Amino acid sequence: MPKSLKKLTIGLTGGIGAGKSSALELFARSGAKTVSLDALAHELSAKGRPVHRSMVRAFGRSILNSQGEIDRRALGKKVFSSRPLLKKLERATHPLIRKEMRRRVSGSSRRVVVVDVPLLFEGGLHEDFDVTVLVSAKRETRIARVKRRDGLSRTEVLRRIRAQMPERKKRAAADVVIDNDGTIARLGRSVREYQDAFELIAGGRR
């Protein structure tokens, strides 16, 4: 990368059904380097990888299946019924995932790097980024999408929405809000416009 250019890092987030994953894919198509923290967590928790070893040290081999992989259902039963155990899981995994995220962001040759972070504000990860972007949609739009995608009832979807940070707080905290109540084509246009702006900002930074 030329010395006159500086990387611009973007933290991307959004509540369930808002379209965050679609936006990440569209940023990739528009030329950004993209990283998904969920995908990264799954990769690092594979057998023999750092997060896998850390989780076994924290919880013992009872969380493994017969192949030695993490039994996510067994682990979920442990941690989601106990806040202290959930915090223990976070301590065992988050530092390693964040370290690898930073390595991949710093190692990218792209001027714009977009990272999909589900708990961007809740986990304090917004401080790692130059710009924060929230993909947002109206509650009824999100409910309809999740019902269609996951086959959940309205009650189940609402329970998941209420478990997340309120949308109004995320909108207030974000630097950029992309409203996604329309079509994927409309979302694509918004993403391309912001990607163009981010490229210009990165190109002008010294």
Protein backbone atom coordinates (compact mmCIF):
# COMPACT_ATOMS: atom_id res chain seq x y z
CA MET A 1 0.00 0.00 0.00
CA PRO A 2 1.44 3.42 -0.91
CA LYS A 3 2.61 5.44 2.09
CA SER A 4 0.17 8.24 1.22
CA LEU A 5 -2.77 5.92 1.85
CA LYS A 6 -4.15 4.83 5.20
CA LYS A 7 -6.53 2.01 5.91
CA LEU A 8 -10.06 2.95 6.98
CA THR A 9 -11.61 0.40 9.32
CA ILE A 10 -15.38 0.02 9.48
CA GLY A 11 -17.27 -1.75 12.26
CA LEU A 12 -20.55 -3.08 10.85
CA THR A 13 -23.43 -4.20 13.04
CA GLY A 14 -27.19 -4.66 13.10
CA GLY A 15 -29.94 -6.45 15.00
CA ILE A 16 -31.43 -9.77 14.01
CA GLY A 17 -33.23 -9.52 10.66
CA ALA A 18 -31.81 -6.11 9.79
CA GLY A 19 -29.68 -7.42 6.91
CA LYS A 20 -26.16 -7.06 8.31
CA SER A 21 -24.85 -10.19 6.59
CA SER A 22 -26.27 -9.06 3.26
CA ALA A 23 -24.60 -5.68 3.70
CA LEU A 24 -21.25 -7.34 4.46
CA GLU A 25 -21.49 -9.37 1.25
CA LEU A 26 -22.35 -6.24 -0.72
CA PHE A 27 -19.38 -4.36 0.76
CA ALA A 28 -17.16 -7.24 -0.42
CA ARG A 29 -18.61 -7.01 -3.93
CA SER A 30 -17.98 -3.26 -3.86
CA GLY A 31 -14.27 -3.75 -3.21
CA ALA A 32 -13.86 -3.73 0.57
CA LYS A 33 -11.93 -6.34 2.50
CA THR A 34 -14.50 -8.00 4.76
CA VAL A 35 -14.23 -10.04 7.95
CA SER A 36 -17.07 -11.78 9.80
CA LEU A 37 -16.47 -12.18 13.52
CA ASP A 38 -18.98 -15.05 13.70
CA ALA A 39 -17.14 -16.92 10.94
CA LEU A 40 -13.82 -16.13 12.60
CA ALA A 41 -15.05 -17.48 15.95
CA HIS A 42 -16.16 -20.74 14.30
CA GLU A 43 -12.82 -21.06 12.52
CA LEU A 44 -10.77 -20.50 15.67
CA SER A 45 -12.89 -22.89 17.74
CA ALA A 46 -12.17 -25.84 15.41
CA LYS A 47 -10.24 -28.72 16.97
CA GLY A 48 -6.62 -27.78 17.63
CA ARG A 49 -7.15 -24.05 17.14
CA PRO A 50 -6.48 -21.45 19.89
CA VAL A 51 -10.08 -20.77 20.92
CA HIS A 52 -10.82 -24.51 21.06
CA ARG A 53 -7.91 -25.03 23.47
CA SER A 54 -8.93 -22.04 25.60
CA MET A 55 -12.53 -23.26 25.86
CA VAL A 56 -11.42 -26.75 26.93
CA ARG A 57 -9.15 -25.25 29.60
CA ALA A 58 -12.06 -23.17 30.89
CA PHE A 59 -14.84 -25.79 30.82
CA GLY A 60 -13.20 -29.19 30.60
CA ARG A 61 -13.64 -31.96 28.05
CA SER A 62 -17.34 -32.37 28.83
CA ILE A 63 -18.05 -29.72 26.18
CA LEU A 64 -16.53 -31.92 23.44
CA ASN A 65 -18.31 -34.44 21.23
CA SER A 66 -16.94 -37.88 20.32
CA GLN A 67 -14.79 -36.35 17.58
CA GLY A 68 -13.19 -33.88 19.96
CA GLU A 69 -14.97 -30.88 18.48
CA ILE A 70 -16.89 -28.35 20.57
CA ASP A 71 -20.43 -29.60 21.22
CA ARG A 72 -22.17 -26.25 20.83
CA ARG A 73 -25.46 -27.54 22.18
CA ALA A 74 -23.84 -28.88 25.36
CA LEU A 75 -21.85 -25.68 25.78
CA GLY A 76 -24.97 -23.59 25.21
CA LYS A 77 -26.83 -25.42 27.96
CA LYS A 78 -24.04 -24.56 30.35
CA VAL A 79 -23.49 -20.91 29.57
CA PHE A 80 -26.90 -19.54 28.60
CA SER A 81 -28.44 -20.58 31.90
CA SER A 82 -25.72 -18.88 33.93
CA ARG A 83 -24.46 -15.34 33.52
CA PRO A 84 -21.16 -16.10 35.35
CA LEU A 85 -20.50 -19.00 32.97
CA LEU A 86 -21.36 -16.81 29.97
CA LYS A 87 -18.83 -14.26 31.19
CA LYS A 88 -16.32 -17.08 31.63
CA LEU A 89 -16.87 -18.10 28.01
CA GLU A 90 -16.37 -14.51 26.86
CA ARG A 91 -13.10 -14.26 28.81
CA ALA A 92 -11.90 -17.51 27.24
CA THR A 93 -12.73 -16.56 23.66
CA HIS A 94 -13.05 -12.82 23.05
CA PRO A 95 -9.38 -11.78 23.52
CA LEU A 96 -8.21 -14.44 21.05
CA ILE A 97 -10.88 -13.59 18.49
CA ARG A 98 -10.18 -9.87 18.81
CA LYS A 99 -6.43 -10.47 18.42
CA GLU A 100 -6.97 -12.42 15.19
CA MET A 101 -9.42 -9.80 13.94
CA ARG A 102 -6.83 -7.08 14.43
CA ARG A 103 -4.17 -9.19 12.69
CA ARG A 104 -6.37 -9.69 9.64
CA VAL A 105 -7.39 -6.04 9.49
CA SER A 106 -3.82 -4.76 9.77
CA GLY A 107 -2.58 -7.32 7.24
CA SER A 108 -5.05 -6.36 4.54
CA SER A 109 -3.79 -4.41 1.52
CA ARG A 110 -7.24 -2.93 0.91
CA ARG A 111 -7.86 0.70 1.84
CA VAL A 112 -11.27 -0.11 3.31
CA VAL A 113 -11.80 -3.01 5.71
CA VAL A 114 -15.33 -3.82 6.93
CA VAL A 115 -15.76 -6.10 9.94
CA ASP A 116 -19.14 -7.62 10.82
CA VAL A 117 -19.36 -7.39 14.63
CA PRO A 118 -22.67 -8.63 16.15
CA LEU A 119 -22.02 -7.03 19.58
CA LEU A 120 -20.15 -3.97 18.33
CA PHE A 121 -21.44 -1.53 20.95
CA GLU A 122 -22.36 -4.00 23.68
CA GLY A 123 -18.84 -5.43 23.73
CA GLY A 124 -17.06 -2.10 23.43
CA LEU A 125 -15.50 -3.12 20.12
CA HIS A 126 -16.62 0.10 18.44
CA GLU A 127 -13.45 1.68 19.80
CA ASP A 128 -11.40 -0.55 17.47
CA PHE A 129 -12.80 1.13 14.35
CA ASP A 130 -12.57 4.45 12.53
CA VAL A 131 -16.26 4.39 11.54
CA THR A 132 -19.25 2.44 12.88
CA VAL A 133 -22.10 1.47 10.56
CA LEU A 134 -25.49 0.19 11.68
CA VAL A 135 -27.78 -1.67 9.29
CA SER A 136 -31.26 -0.93 10.56
CA ALA A 137 -34.83 -1.91 9.69
CA LYS A 138 -38.26 -1.45 11.19
CA ARG A 139 -39.31 -4.04 13.74
CA GLU A 140 -42.09 -5.52 11.57
CA THR A 141 -39.70 -5.86 8.64
CA ARG A 142 -37.21 -7.69 10.84
CA ILE A 143 -39.86 -9.97 12.32
CA ALA A 144 -41.11 -10.95 8.86
CA ARG A 145 -37.58 -11.67 7.61
CA VAL A 146 -36.60 -13.84 10.57
CA LYS A 147 -39.89 -15.77 10.51
CA ARG A 148 -39.35 -16.49 6.83
CA ARG A 149 -35.65 -17.31 7.18
CA ASP A 150 -35.62 -19.36 10.39
CA GLY A 151 -39.18 -20.64 10.62
CA LEU A 152 -39.68 -19.08 14.06
CA SER A 153 -42.93 -17.85 15.53
CA ARG A 154 -43.53 -14.13 16.05
CA THR A 155 -43.16 -14.64 19.81
CA GLU A 156 -39.80 -16.34 19.37
CA VAL A 157 -38.52 -13.58 17.10
CA LEU A 158 -39.66 -10.86 19.51
CA ARG A 159 -37.89 -12.64 22.36
CA ARG A 160 -34.63 -12.52 20.40
CA ILE A 161 -35.10 -8.88 19.43
CA ARG A 162 -35.78 -7.88 23.04
CA ALA A 163 -32.64 -9.71 24.18
CA GLN A 164 -30.53 -7.35 22.04
CA MET A 165 -29.56 -3.73 22.63
CA PRO A 166 -32.53 -1.47 21.77
CA GLU A 167 -32.41 -0.20 18.20
CA ARG A 168 -32.71 3.44 19.27
CA LYS A 169 -29.52 3.15 21.34
CA LYS A 170 -27.60 1.61 18.47
CA ARG A 171 -28.84 4.29 16.07
CA ALA A 172 -27.68 6.98 18.49
CA ALA A 173 -24.25 5.37 18.87
CA ALA A 174 -23.53 4.65 15.19
CA ASP A 175 -21.66 7.05 12.92
CA VAL A 176 -23.63 5.86 9.87
CA VAL A 177 -27.08 4.27 9.70
CA ILE A 178 -28.14 2.35 6.57
CA ASP A 179 -31.91 1.88 6.56
CA ASN A 180 -32.79 -1.48 5.03
CA ASP A 181 -36.55 -1.73 4.79
CA GLY A 182 -36.52 -2.06 1.00
CA THR A 183 -35.11 -4.45 -1.58
CA ILE A 184 -31.64 -5.97 -1.80
CA ALA A 185 -31.05 -3.75 -4.85
CA ARG A 186 -31.74 -0.66 -2.78
CA LEU A 187 -29.40 -1.89 -0.04
CA GLY A 188 -26.78 -2.51 -2.71
CA ARG A 189 -27.00 1.08 -3.92
CA SER A 190 -26.58 2.40 -0.39
CA VAL A 191 -23.59 0.17 0.26
CA ARG A 192 -21.88 1.20 -3.00
CA GLU A 193 -22.37 4.88 -2.17
CA TYR A 194 -20.81 4.47 1.26
CA GLN A 195 -18.01 2.27 -0.09
CA ASP A 196 -17.15 4.99 -2.63
CA ALA A 197 -17.13 7.59 0.16
CA PHE A 198 -14.96 5.39 2.40
CA GLU A 199 -12.46 4.89 -0.45
CA LEU A 200 -12.22 8.63 -0.93
CA ILE A 201 -11.67 9.21 2.78
CA ALA A 202 -9.02 6.50 2.97
CA GLY A 203 -7.26 7.86 -0.10
CA GLY A 204 -7.09 11.33 1.36
CA ARG A 205 -5.72 10.30 4.77
CA ARG A 206 -2.01 10.63 5.60
